[in-house]
Amino acid sequence: MNETDAWRRLWWGSAIPTLLAGVVAVAVAGWLRGLDGVIGAVLGVSLVIGFFGLSLLVMKWTAHSDPMNALGGALLSYVVKIVALALILVVFRDTTLFDVQAFGITTLACAVVWLIAEMRAFLSAQFALVSSPEHGPAAGSDEDGQARL
């Protein structure tokens, strides 16, 4: 499996279970809370897929860069997501546009589903974790590829 297929498998392996959980959450929210619950649940599913999808995209972009750049990209995307989530929660704190309980529960449930599905997809995606000769020696090794202690 080439790397593009592995990333695609990671994306779809995470997104499909989250979308399925989202459909269930939207149905339950609609049944329990009506249209406001449906709107809140749809926003929650959208938030999770957007935020976690952004993280995957950043990691794909930085996968072949220096490990410190990859870490910086991951941390930056995390900080941006936390700030954006805080702004969303502050702006919609007292909203009547949607049911905030349905939004919160759906967001939490879909985040858990995404993380579990992403771990499962990652374990089956067969990412190369060791540098091949054309990419240079692996971290923690000398020029000949021998491990340094």
Protein backbone atom coordinates (compact mmCIF):
# COMPACT_ATOMS: atom_id res chain seq x y z
CA MET A 1 0.00 0.00 0.00
CA ASN A 2 1.44 3.37 -0.94
CA GLU A 3 1.39 6.33 1.40
CA THR A 4 -1.51 8.13 -0.30
CA ASP A 5 -3.67 5.04 0.07
CA ALA A 6 -2.68 4.79 3.73
CA TRP A 7 -3.73 8.40 4.41
CA ARG A 8 -6.95 7.88 2.48
CA ARG A 9 -7.62 4.74 4.48
CA LEU A 10 -6.96 6.63 7.71
CA TRP A 11 -9.35 9.44 6.68
CA TRP A 12 -12.21 7.20 5.56
CA GLY A 13 -11.61 4.74 8.39
CA SER A 14 -12.22 7.60 10.80
CA ALA A 15 -14.85 9.61 8.94
CA ILE A 16 -17.30 6.83 8.05
CA PRO A 17 -17.83 5.53 11.61
CA THR A 18 -18.13 9.14 12.82
CA LEU A 19 -20.72 9.92 10.15
CA LEU A 20 -22.67 6.79 11.10
CA ALA A 21 -22.56 7.78 14.78
CA GLY A 22 -23.60 11.27 13.70
CA VAL A 23 -26.63 9.96 11.83
CA VAL A 24 -27.70 8.07 14.96
CA ALA A 25 -27.07 11.16 17.12
CA VAL A 26 -29.08 13.39 14.78
CA ALA A 27 -31.98 10.90 14.79
CA VAL A 28 -31.97 10.61 18.59
CA ALA A 29 -31.63 14.38 19.03
CA GLY A 30 -34.51 14.94 16.62
CA TRP A 31 -36.66 12.42 18.44
CA LEU A 32 -35.88 13.84 21.90
CA ARG A 33 -35.42 17.57 21.17
CA GLY A 34 -37.08 18.25 17.82
CA LEU A 35 -35.65 20.51 15.13
CA ASP A 36 -33.39 22.39 17.57
CA GLY A 37 -31.84 19.05 18.59
CA VAL A 38 -31.27 18.09 14.96
CA ILE A 39 -29.52 21.40 14.26
CA GLY A 40 -27.36 21.05 17.37
CA ALA A 41 -26.42 17.47 16.53
CA VAL A 42 -25.58 18.32 12.91
CA LEU A 43 -23.36 21.16 14.10
CA GLY A 44 -21.66 18.82 16.58
CA VAL A 45 -20.92 16.19 13.92
CA SER A 46 -19.66 18.88 11.54
CA LEU A 47 -17.39 20.33 14.21
CA VAL A 48 -15.81 16.96 15.00
CA ILE A 49 -15.25 15.98 11.38
CA GLY A 50 -13.86 19.42 10.54
CA PHE A 51 -11.52 19.64 13.53
CA PHE A 52 -10.23 16.08 13.45
CA GLY A 53 -10.00 16.15 9.64
CA LEU A 54 -7.89 19.31 9.93
CA SER A 55 -5.50 17.47 12.25
CA LEU A 56 -5.13 14.62 9.76
CA LEU A 57 -4.46 17.08 6.97
CA VAL A 58 -1.78 18.91 8.98
CA MET A 59 -0.11 15.62 9.89
CA LYS A 60 -0.15 14.52 6.24
CA TRP A 61 1.48 17.81 5.18
CA THR A 62 4.18 17.57 7.83
CA ALA A 63 4.75 13.80 7.74
CA HIS A 64 8.00 13.98 5.74
CA SER A 65 9.42 17.08 7.35
CA ASP A 66 11.73 17.37 10.30
CA PRO A 67 10.13 15.78 13.41
CA MET A 68 10.21 19.15 15.18
CA ASN A 69 8.25 20.70 12.30
CA ALA A 70 5.72 17.88 12.47
CA LEU A 71 5.37 18.40 16.22
CA GLY A 72 5.04 22.14 15.71
CA GLY A 73 2.33 21.63 13.10
CA ALA A 74 0.44 19.24 15.35
CA LEU A 75 0.66 21.60 18.32
CA LEU A 76 -0.34 24.61 16.23
CA SER A 77 -3.39 22.80 14.85
CA TYR A 78 -4.29 21.76 18.41
CA VAL A 79 -4.04 25.32 19.72
CA VAL A 80 -6.08 26.67 16.79
CA LYS A 81 -8.77 24.06 17.43
CA ILE A 82 -8.91 24.79 21.17
CA VAL A 83 -9.16 28.56 20.58
CA ALA A 84 -11.82 28.05 17.89
CA LEU A 85 -13.80 25.72 20.17
CA ALA A 86 -13.59 28.21 23.03
CA LEU A 87 -14.85 30.98 20.74
CA ILE A 88 -17.70 28.79 19.50
CA LEU A 89 -18.70 27.92 23.07
CA VAL A 90 -18.58 31.58 24.18
CA VAL A 91 -20.46 32.90 21.15
CA PHE A 92 -23.21 30.25 21.36
CA ARG A 93 -23.34 30.04 25.17
CA ASP A 94 -26.93 31.32 25.48
CA THR A 95 -28.14 30.59 21.98
CA THR A 96 -31.66 29.59 21.08
CA LEU A 97 -30.68 28.71 17.50
CA PHE A 98 -30.05 25.07 18.42
CA ASP A 99 -30.16 22.74 21.40
CA VAL A 100 -26.83 23.13 23.19
CA GLN A 101 -27.24 19.83 25.05
CA ALA A 102 -27.67 17.91 21.79
CA PHE A 103 -24.67 19.79 20.40
CA GLY A 104 -22.47 18.93 23.38
CA ILE A 105 -23.45 15.28 23.68
CA THR A 106 -23.14 14.71 19.93
CA THR A 107 -19.75 16.43 19.82
CA LEU A 108 -18.43 14.33 22.68
CA ALA A 109 -19.82 11.05 21.32
CA CYS A 110 -18.53 11.69 17.79
CA ALA A 111 -15.09 12.70 19.09
CA VAL A 112 -14.82 9.40 20.97
CA VAL A 113 -15.96 7.45 17.90
CA TRP A 114 -13.47 9.32 15.68
CA LEU A 115 -10.55 8.63 18.03
CA ILE A 116 -11.34 4.92 18.34
CA ALA A 117 -11.88 4.57 14.59
CA GLU A 118 -8.70 6.52 13.85
CA MET A 119 -6.65 4.24 16.10
CA ARG A 120 -8.15 1.18 14.45
CA ALA A 121 -7.52 2.59 10.95
CA PHE A 122 -3.96 3.58 11.85
CA LEU A 123 -3.15 0.10 13.10
CA SER A 124 -4.38 -1.43 9.85
CA ALA A 125 -3.04 1.26 7.45
CA GLN A 126 0.57 -0.01 7.50
CA PHE A 127 2.37 3.32 7.66
CA ALA A 128 6.13 3.03 7.24
CA LEU A 129 7.60 3.89 10.63
CA VAL A 130 11.23 3.26 9.64
CA SER A 131 13.03 5.47 7.14
CA SER A 132 13.90 3.77 3.89
CA PRO A 133 17.37 4.25 2.33
CA GLU A 134 16.13 6.87 -0.14
CA HIS A 135 14.87 9.04 2.74
CA GLY A 136 18.11 8.87 4.73
CA PRO A 137 18.89 7.25 8.05
CA ALA A 138 16.22 6.90 10.70
CA ALA A 139 16.22 9.18 13.71
CA GLY A 140 18.63 7.87 16.34
CA SER A 141 21.00 6.28 13.83
CA ASP A 142 24.31 7.25 12.27
CA GLU A 143 25.01 7.83 8.56
CA ASP A 144 25.19 4.10 7.86
CA GLY A 145 21.76 3.50 9.39
CA GLN A 146 23.21 1.77 12.44
CA ALA A 147 21.50 2.47 15.74
CA ARG A 148 23.24 4.90 18.08
CA LEU A 149 23.17 4.29 21.80
